[in-house]
N, C-alpha and C. Protein backbone atom coordinates (compact mmCIF):
# COMPACT_ATOMS: atom_id res chain seq x y z
N MET A 1 290.86 -175.62 -70.37
CA MET A 1 290.53 -175.67 -68.96
C MET A 1 289.73 -176.93 -68.66
N THR A 2 289.96 -177.50 -67.51
CA THR A 2 289.18 -178.66 -67.08
C THR A 2 287.85 -178.19 -66.52
N TYR A 3 286.94 -179.12 -66.38
CA TYR A 3 285.64 -178.75 -65.82
C TYR A 3 285.80 -178.23 -64.40
N ARG A 4 286.75 -178.79 -63.65
CA ARG A 4 286.97 -178.33 -62.27
C ARG A 4 287.48 -176.88 -62.26
N GLN A 5 288.35 -176.56 -63.18
CA GLN A 5 288.85 -175.19 -63.26
C GLN A 5 287.74 -174.22 -63.65
N MET A 6 286.89 -174.66 -64.58
CA MET A 6 285.78 -173.80 -65.01
C MET A 6 284.80 -173.55 -63.87
N LEU A 7 284.46 -174.61 -63.14
CA LEU A 7 283.52 -174.44 -62.03
C LEU A 7 284.15 -173.67 -60.89
N THR A 8 285.45 -173.83 -60.68
CA THR A 8 286.13 -173.03 -59.66
C THR A 8 286.10 -171.56 -60.05
N ALA A 9 286.40 -171.27 -61.31
CA ALA A 9 286.34 -169.88 -61.80
C ALA A 9 284.94 -169.31 -61.65
N ALA A 10 283.93 -170.11 -62.01
CA ALA A 10 282.55 -169.66 -61.89
C ALA A 10 282.20 -169.36 -60.44
N GLY A 11 282.61 -170.25 -59.54
CA GLY A 11 282.33 -170.04 -58.12
C GLY A 11 283.01 -168.78 -57.59
N ILE A 12 284.25 -168.57 -57.98
CA ILE A 12 284.98 -167.38 -57.53
C ILE A 12 284.35 -166.11 -58.11
N LEU A 13 283.97 -166.16 -59.39
CA LEU A 13 283.31 -165.00 -59.99
C LEU A 13 282.00 -164.69 -59.28
N SER A 14 281.22 -165.71 -58.94
CA SER A 14 279.97 -165.47 -58.21
C SER A 14 280.23 -164.87 -56.83
N MET A 15 281.26 -165.35 -56.16
CA MET A 15 281.62 -164.77 -54.86
C MET A 15 282.03 -163.30 -55.04
N GLY A 16 282.72 -163.01 -56.14
CA GLY A 16 283.08 -161.63 -56.44
C GLY A 16 281.86 -160.76 -56.68
N VAL A 17 280.87 -161.31 -57.37
CA VAL A 17 279.61 -160.57 -57.60
C VAL A 17 278.92 -160.31 -56.26
N ALA A 18 278.93 -161.30 -55.38
CA ALA A 18 278.34 -161.11 -54.04
C ALA A 18 279.07 -160.00 -53.29
N ALA A 19 280.41 -160.04 -53.31
CA ALA A 19 281.20 -159.01 -52.62
C ALA A 19 280.94 -157.63 -53.22
N PHE A 20 280.81 -157.56 -54.54
CA PHE A 20 280.52 -156.28 -55.20
C PHE A 20 279.18 -155.73 -54.75
N HIS A 21 278.20 -156.61 -54.55
CA HIS A 21 276.89 -156.15 -54.08
C HIS A 21 276.95 -155.63 -52.64
N VAL A 22 277.90 -156.12 -51.86
CA VAL A 22 278.11 -155.54 -50.52
C VAL A 22 278.51 -154.08 -50.67
N LEU A 23 279.44 -153.81 -51.59
CA LEU A 23 279.86 -152.42 -51.84
C LEU A 23 278.68 -151.57 -52.32
N LEU A 24 277.88 -152.12 -53.22
CA LEU A 24 276.73 -151.38 -53.73
C LEU A 24 275.74 -151.03 -52.62
N ALA A 25 275.60 -151.91 -51.64
CA ALA A 25 274.66 -151.68 -50.53
C ALA A 25 275.07 -150.48 -49.69
N PHE A 26 276.34 -150.15 -49.71
CA PHE A 26 276.82 -149.05 -48.87
C PHE A 26 277.04 -147.75 -49.62
N SER A 27 276.75 -147.72 -50.91
CA SER A 27 276.96 -146.51 -51.68
C SER A 27 275.85 -146.31 -52.71
N ALA A 28 274.98 -145.36 -52.44
CA ALA A 28 273.91 -145.05 -53.38
C ALA A 28 274.50 -144.53 -54.68
N ASP A 29 275.58 -143.73 -54.60
CA ASP A 29 276.19 -143.19 -55.82
C ASP A 29 276.78 -144.31 -56.68
N LEU A 30 277.47 -145.25 -56.06
CA LEU A 30 278.03 -146.37 -56.81
C LEU A 30 276.92 -147.22 -57.42
N SER A 31 275.86 -147.42 -56.67
CA SER A 31 274.72 -148.18 -57.18
C SER A 31 274.10 -147.49 -58.39
N ALA A 32 273.94 -146.18 -58.30
CA ALA A 32 273.38 -145.42 -59.42
C ALA A 32 274.32 -145.50 -60.63
N TYR A 33 275.61 -145.39 -60.38
CA TYR A 33 276.60 -145.47 -61.46
C TYR A 33 276.51 -146.79 -62.20
N PHE A 34 276.22 -147.86 -61.47
CA PHE A 34 276.13 -149.18 -62.10
C PHE A 34 274.70 -149.55 -62.49
N GLY A 35 273.81 -148.57 -62.58
CA GLY A 35 272.52 -148.81 -63.20
C GLY A 35 271.32 -148.95 -62.29
N ALA A 36 271.49 -148.80 -60.98
CA ALA A 36 270.32 -148.86 -60.10
C ALA A 36 269.39 -147.70 -60.44
N GLY A 37 268.13 -147.98 -60.46
CA GLY A 37 267.16 -146.94 -60.78
C GLY A 37 267.04 -145.92 -59.66
N PRO A 38 266.34 -144.83 -59.96
CA PRO A 38 266.20 -143.75 -58.98
C PRO A 38 265.51 -144.18 -57.69
N LYS A 39 264.54 -145.09 -57.79
CA LYS A 39 263.84 -145.54 -56.59
C LYS A 39 264.79 -146.30 -55.67
N ILE A 40 265.59 -147.22 -56.22
CA ILE A 40 266.55 -147.98 -55.41
C ILE A 40 267.60 -147.05 -54.83
N THR A 41 268.09 -146.13 -55.65
CA THR A 41 269.09 -145.17 -55.17
C THR A 41 268.55 -144.34 -54.01
N GLN A 42 267.31 -143.90 -54.14
CA GLN A 42 266.71 -143.10 -53.07
C GLN A 42 266.51 -143.95 -51.81
N MET A 43 266.12 -145.19 -51.97
CA MET A 43 265.96 -146.07 -50.81
C MET A 43 267.30 -146.26 -50.09
N LEU A 44 268.39 -146.37 -50.86
CA LEU A 44 269.71 -146.49 -50.24
C LEU A 44 270.09 -145.20 -49.51
N ARG A 45 269.79 -144.06 -50.11
CA ARG A 45 270.10 -142.77 -49.47
C ARG A 45 269.29 -142.59 -48.18
N ASN A 46 268.07 -143.11 -48.19
CA ASN A 46 267.20 -142.99 -47.02
C ASN A 46 267.42 -144.10 -46.00
N HIS A 47 268.33 -145.02 -46.30
CA HIS A 47 268.61 -146.17 -45.44
C HIS A 47 267.35 -146.97 -45.14
N ASP A 48 266.56 -147.17 -46.19
CA ASP A 48 265.32 -147.92 -46.08
C ASP A 48 265.64 -149.39 -45.77
N PRO A 49 265.08 -149.94 -44.69
CA PRO A 49 265.37 -151.34 -44.34
C PRO A 49 265.00 -152.33 -45.44
N GLN A 50 263.98 -152.02 -46.24
CA GLN A 50 263.56 -152.94 -47.30
C GLN A 50 264.67 -153.13 -48.34
N ILE A 51 265.39 -152.06 -48.68
CA ILE A 51 266.43 -152.21 -49.69
C ILE A 51 267.59 -153.02 -49.12
N TYR A 52 267.85 -152.88 -47.83
CA TYR A 52 268.93 -153.68 -47.24
C TYR A 52 268.55 -155.15 -47.16
N LEU A 53 267.29 -155.43 -46.92
CA LEU A 53 266.83 -156.82 -46.94
C LEU A 53 267.00 -157.40 -48.34
N LEU A 54 266.60 -156.63 -49.36
CA LEU A 54 266.77 -157.07 -50.74
C LEU A 54 268.25 -157.30 -51.05
N MET A 55 269.12 -156.40 -50.62
CA MET A 55 270.56 -156.55 -50.89
C MET A 55 271.12 -157.78 -50.18
N VAL A 56 270.70 -158.02 -48.95
CA VAL A 56 271.17 -159.21 -48.22
C VAL A 56 270.74 -160.47 -48.95
N LEU A 57 269.51 -160.49 -49.46
CA LEU A 57 269.03 -161.65 -50.20
C LEU A 57 269.82 -161.86 -51.49
N MET A 58 270.12 -160.76 -52.19
CA MET A 58 270.91 -160.87 -53.42
C MET A 58 272.33 -161.35 -53.12
N ILE A 59 272.93 -160.79 -52.09
CA ILE A 59 274.28 -161.20 -51.70
C ILE A 59 274.30 -162.68 -51.34
N ALA A 60 273.30 -163.11 -50.58
CA ALA A 60 273.21 -164.52 -50.19
C ALA A 60 273.03 -165.41 -51.41
N MET A 61 272.21 -164.97 -52.35
CA MET A 61 271.98 -165.75 -53.56
C MET A 61 273.28 -165.92 -54.35
N PHE A 62 274.00 -164.82 -54.60
CA PHE A 62 275.24 -164.91 -55.37
C PHE A 62 276.29 -165.73 -54.62
N ALA A 63 276.34 -165.59 -53.31
CA ALA A 63 277.29 -166.39 -52.52
C ALA A 63 276.93 -167.88 -52.59
N LEU A 64 275.64 -168.19 -52.51
CA LEU A 64 275.20 -169.58 -52.64
C LEU A 64 275.56 -170.12 -54.02
N TRP A 65 275.36 -169.32 -55.04
CA TRP A 65 275.74 -169.73 -56.39
C TRP A 65 277.24 -170.01 -56.45
N GLY A 66 278.02 -169.18 -55.78
CA GLY A 66 279.46 -169.41 -55.73
C GLY A 66 279.79 -170.73 -55.05
N LEU A 67 279.08 -171.03 -53.97
CA LEU A 67 279.29 -172.30 -53.28
C LEU A 67 278.94 -173.48 -54.18
N TYR A 68 277.89 -173.32 -54.99
CA TYR A 68 277.53 -174.39 -55.91
C TYR A 68 278.64 -174.62 -56.94
N GLY A 69 279.22 -173.56 -57.45
CA GLY A 69 280.31 -173.70 -58.39
C GLY A 69 281.49 -174.42 -57.76
N LEU A 70 281.85 -174.02 -56.55
CA LEU A 70 282.98 -174.64 -55.86
C LEU A 70 282.67 -176.08 -55.47
N SER A 71 281.42 -176.38 -55.13
CA SER A 71 281.03 -177.74 -54.82
C SER A 71 281.12 -178.62 -56.07
N GLY A 72 280.65 -178.09 -57.20
CA GLY A 72 280.73 -178.83 -58.45
C GLY A 72 282.17 -179.11 -58.86
N ALA A 73 283.08 -178.22 -58.46
CA ALA A 73 284.50 -178.40 -58.75
C ALA A 73 285.15 -179.38 -57.80
N GLY A 74 284.39 -179.84 -56.81
CA GLY A 74 284.93 -180.79 -55.84
C GLY A 74 285.76 -180.15 -54.75
N ARG A 75 285.58 -178.86 -54.54
CA ARG A 75 286.36 -178.14 -53.52
C ARG A 75 285.86 -178.41 -52.11
N PHE A 76 284.62 -178.86 -51.99
CA PHE A 76 284.06 -179.29 -50.70
C PHE A 76 282.86 -180.18 -50.97
N ALA A 77 282.15 -180.54 -49.94
CA ALA A 77 281.06 -181.52 -50.03
C ALA A 77 280.03 -181.15 -51.10
N ARG A 78 279.43 -182.18 -51.65
CA ARG A 78 278.44 -182.03 -52.71
C ARG A 78 277.16 -181.40 -52.12
N LEU A 79 276.68 -180.37 -52.78
CA LEU A 79 275.44 -179.71 -52.37
C LEU A 79 274.25 -180.41 -53.02
N PRO A 80 273.05 -180.25 -52.43
CA PRO A 80 271.86 -180.90 -53.00
C PRO A 80 271.54 -180.39 -54.40
N LEU A 81 271.03 -181.27 -55.23
CA LEU A 81 270.63 -180.94 -56.61
C LEU A 81 271.75 -180.22 -57.36
N LEU A 82 272.96 -180.69 -57.18
CA LEU A 82 274.14 -179.99 -57.68
C LEU A 82 274.10 -179.77 -59.19
N LYS A 83 273.92 -180.81 -59.96
CA LYS A 83 273.97 -180.68 -61.41
C LYS A 83 272.85 -179.79 -61.93
N THR A 84 271.65 -179.97 -61.40
CA THR A 84 270.52 -179.13 -61.80
C THR A 84 270.79 -177.68 -61.42
N GLY A 85 271.25 -177.48 -60.20
CA GLY A 85 271.56 -176.12 -59.73
C GLY A 85 272.60 -175.45 -60.59
N LEU A 86 273.67 -176.17 -60.92
CA LEU A 86 274.74 -175.60 -61.76
C LEU A 86 274.21 -175.21 -63.13
N PHE A 87 273.38 -176.07 -63.71
CA PHE A 87 272.82 -175.77 -65.03
C PHE A 87 271.93 -174.53 -64.97
N VAL A 88 271.05 -174.45 -63.97
CA VAL A 88 270.13 -173.31 -63.85
C VAL A 88 270.92 -172.02 -63.61
N ILE A 89 271.90 -172.06 -62.73
CA ILE A 89 272.72 -170.88 -62.45
C ILE A 89 273.44 -170.44 -63.72
N GLY A 90 274.03 -171.40 -64.44
CA GLY A 90 274.71 -171.08 -65.69
C GLY A 90 273.78 -170.47 -66.72
N ALA A 91 272.57 -171.01 -66.81
CA ALA A 91 271.60 -170.48 -67.77
C ALA A 91 271.20 -169.05 -67.41
N ILE A 92 270.99 -168.77 -66.13
CA ILE A 92 270.60 -167.42 -65.71
C ILE A 92 271.71 -166.43 -66.03
N TYR A 93 272.94 -166.75 -65.64
CA TYR A 93 274.06 -165.85 -65.94
C TYR A 93 274.22 -165.66 -67.46
N THR A 94 274.12 -166.74 -68.22
CA THR A 94 274.33 -166.64 -69.66
C THR A 94 273.24 -165.82 -70.33
N LEU A 95 271.99 -166.04 -69.92
CA LEU A 95 270.90 -165.23 -70.47
C LEU A 95 271.09 -163.76 -70.17
N ARG A 96 271.54 -163.45 -68.95
CA ARG A 96 271.83 -162.05 -68.62
C ARG A 96 273.00 -161.53 -69.46
N GLY A 97 274.00 -162.37 -69.68
CA GLY A 97 275.19 -161.96 -70.39
C GLY A 97 275.01 -161.79 -71.89
N ILE A 98 273.98 -162.40 -72.45
CA ILE A 98 273.75 -162.27 -73.89
C ILE A 98 273.54 -160.81 -74.29
N ALA A 99 273.11 -159.99 -73.35
CA ALA A 99 272.93 -158.56 -73.63
C ALA A 99 274.25 -157.90 -74.04
N PHE A 100 275.37 -158.55 -73.77
CA PHE A 100 276.67 -157.99 -74.16
C PHE A 100 276.72 -157.66 -75.65
N PHE A 101 276.17 -158.54 -76.47
CA PHE A 101 276.30 -158.37 -77.91
C PHE A 101 275.55 -157.15 -78.44
N PRO A 102 274.25 -156.98 -78.13
CA PRO A 102 273.60 -155.74 -78.59
C PRO A 102 274.18 -154.49 -77.92
N GLU A 103 274.64 -154.62 -76.66
CA GLU A 103 275.25 -153.46 -76.00
C GLU A 103 276.55 -153.06 -76.70
N MET A 104 277.33 -154.06 -77.12
CA MET A 104 278.57 -153.77 -77.83
C MET A 104 278.26 -153.07 -79.16
N LEU A 105 277.26 -153.58 -79.89
CA LEU A 105 276.88 -152.94 -81.14
C LEU A 105 276.37 -151.52 -80.90
N GLY A 106 275.63 -151.33 -79.81
CA GLY A 106 275.15 -150.00 -79.47
C GLY A 106 276.30 -149.05 -79.14
N SER A 107 277.30 -149.54 -78.41
CA SER A 107 278.42 -148.69 -78.04
C SER A 107 279.27 -148.32 -79.26
N LEU A 108 279.24 -149.17 -80.30
CA LEU A 108 279.97 -148.88 -81.53
C LEU A 108 279.16 -148.02 -82.51
N GLY A 109 277.90 -147.75 -82.15
CA GLY A 109 277.05 -146.93 -83.00
C GLY A 109 276.40 -147.69 -84.14
N VAL A 110 276.50 -149.01 -84.13
CA VAL A 110 275.91 -149.83 -85.18
C VAL A 110 274.40 -149.93 -85.01
N THR A 111 273.95 -149.96 -83.74
CA THR A 111 272.51 -150.03 -83.45
C THR A 111 272.17 -148.92 -82.46
N GLU A 112 270.89 -148.78 -82.20
CA GLU A 112 270.41 -147.78 -81.25
C GLU A 112 270.30 -148.34 -79.83
N PHE A 113 270.77 -149.58 -79.63
CA PHE A 113 270.66 -150.23 -78.32
C PHE A 113 271.44 -149.43 -77.28
N PRO A 114 270.78 -149.04 -76.17
CA PRO A 114 271.48 -148.25 -75.16
C PRO A 114 272.60 -149.04 -74.50
N SER A 115 273.71 -148.37 -74.26
CA SER A 115 274.85 -149.04 -73.66
C SER A 115 275.67 -148.06 -72.85
N SER A 116 276.43 -148.61 -71.94
CA SER A 116 277.39 -147.83 -71.15
C SER A 116 278.53 -148.76 -70.80
N PRO A 117 279.68 -148.22 -70.45
CA PRO A 117 280.78 -149.10 -70.04
C PRO A 117 280.40 -150.00 -68.87
N GLN A 118 279.59 -149.49 -67.95
CA GLN A 118 279.17 -150.29 -66.80
C GLN A 118 278.30 -151.46 -67.23
N ASN A 119 277.37 -151.21 -68.17
CA ASN A 119 276.52 -152.29 -68.67
C ASN A 119 277.33 -153.32 -69.44
N LEU A 120 278.29 -152.85 -70.24
CA LEU A 120 279.14 -153.78 -70.98
C LEU A 120 279.92 -154.66 -70.02
N LEU A 121 280.48 -154.06 -68.97
CA LEU A 121 281.24 -154.83 -67.99
C LEU A 121 280.35 -155.86 -67.29
N SER A 122 279.19 -155.42 -66.85
CA SER A 122 278.27 -156.32 -66.16
C SER A 122 277.84 -157.47 -67.07
N SER A 123 277.55 -157.16 -68.31
CA SER A 123 277.14 -158.21 -69.25
C SER A 123 278.29 -159.16 -69.55
N ALA A 124 279.50 -158.63 -69.71
CA ALA A 124 280.66 -159.48 -70.00
C ALA A 124 280.93 -160.43 -68.83
N VAL A 125 280.88 -159.91 -67.61
CA VAL A 125 281.10 -160.75 -66.43
C VAL A 125 280.02 -161.82 -66.35
N SER A 126 278.78 -161.44 -66.61
CA SER A 126 277.68 -162.42 -66.57
C SER A 126 277.87 -163.50 -67.62
N LEU A 127 278.23 -163.10 -68.83
CA LEU A 127 278.41 -164.07 -69.91
C LEU A 127 279.56 -165.03 -69.61
N ILE A 128 280.69 -164.50 -69.18
CA ILE A 128 281.85 -165.35 -68.86
C ILE A 128 281.51 -166.30 -67.72
N THR A 129 280.87 -165.77 -66.68
CA THR A 129 280.50 -166.60 -65.54
C THR A 129 279.53 -167.70 -65.95
N GLY A 130 278.51 -167.33 -66.72
CA GLY A 130 277.53 -168.30 -67.17
C GLY A 130 278.14 -169.40 -68.02
N LEU A 131 279.03 -169.02 -68.92
CA LEU A 131 279.67 -170.04 -69.77
C LEU A 131 280.58 -170.94 -68.95
N CYS A 132 281.24 -170.39 -67.94
CA CYS A 132 282.06 -171.24 -67.06
C CYS A 132 281.17 -172.25 -66.33
N TYR A 133 280.02 -171.80 -65.84
CA TYR A 133 279.09 -172.74 -65.20
C TYR A 133 278.62 -173.80 -66.18
N LEU A 134 278.18 -173.38 -67.36
CA LEU A 134 277.61 -174.33 -68.31
C LEU A 134 278.64 -175.33 -68.82
N PHE A 135 279.81 -174.83 -69.27
CA PHE A 135 280.83 -175.76 -69.78
C PHE A 135 281.40 -176.62 -68.65
N GLY A 136 281.52 -176.05 -67.47
CA GLY A 136 281.97 -176.84 -66.33
C GLY A 136 280.98 -177.93 -65.98
N THR A 137 279.70 -177.61 -66.05
CA THR A 137 278.65 -178.60 -65.76
C THR A 137 278.65 -179.71 -66.81
N ILE A 138 278.83 -179.35 -68.07
CA ILE A 138 278.91 -180.37 -69.13
C ILE A 138 280.09 -181.30 -68.85
N GLY A 139 281.23 -180.73 -68.46
CA GLY A 139 282.39 -181.56 -68.12
C GLY A 139 282.12 -182.45 -66.93
N LEU A 140 281.41 -181.92 -65.94
CA LEU A 140 281.05 -182.71 -64.77
C LEU A 140 280.16 -183.88 -65.16
N LEU A 141 279.23 -183.63 -66.05
CA LEU A 141 278.31 -184.69 -66.50
C LEU A 141 279.03 -185.76 -67.31
N ARG A 142 280.09 -185.39 -67.99
CA ARG A 142 280.82 -186.33 -68.86
C ARG A 142 281.92 -187.08 -68.15
N ARG A 143 282.23 -186.70 -66.93
CA ARG A 143 283.35 -187.36 -66.25
C ARG A 143 282.99 -188.82 -65.97
N PRO A 144 284.00 -189.68 -65.96
CA PRO A 144 283.72 -191.08 -65.69
C PRO A 144 283.29 -191.28 -64.23
N VAL A 145 282.36 -192.18 -64.04
CA VAL A 145 281.88 -192.50 -62.70
C VAL A 145 282.90 -193.44 -62.05
N THR A 146 283.35 -193.06 -60.84
CA THR A 146 284.29 -193.90 -60.11
C THR A 146 283.62 -194.47 -58.88
N ALA A 147 284.09 -195.62 -58.47
CA ALA A 147 283.48 -196.29 -57.31
C ALA A 147 284.00 -195.76 -56.01
């Protein structure tokens, strides 16, 4: 894959994460199924404005991250601090995704690490997205400078 393809994939995956959080904001049961704690689940059931503000901020963050990926791929105008932003976003996703490995071992019974199919999926998506950002950013940094 080229760096543009990797950053495009990363941007689309981040947009998908943002869209998924829209679904989570409207379903306390779905949120609980995917690991939201009892306090967050109760706030969603009670339609607490604070939880909706938090969800809007998270959705905006993931959407902005998606825009950074697409901008790095050259799909539209360059965003400010693009290379730094792409690296930081990739690092955050990758650090979150590293949990995939102990979760996988836990699901296989090799370790006592708690795991669920939902956590494995979330960690796998995070790891893949983070690596797309990081490898795409490395490719962006290595591309020849044109006039």
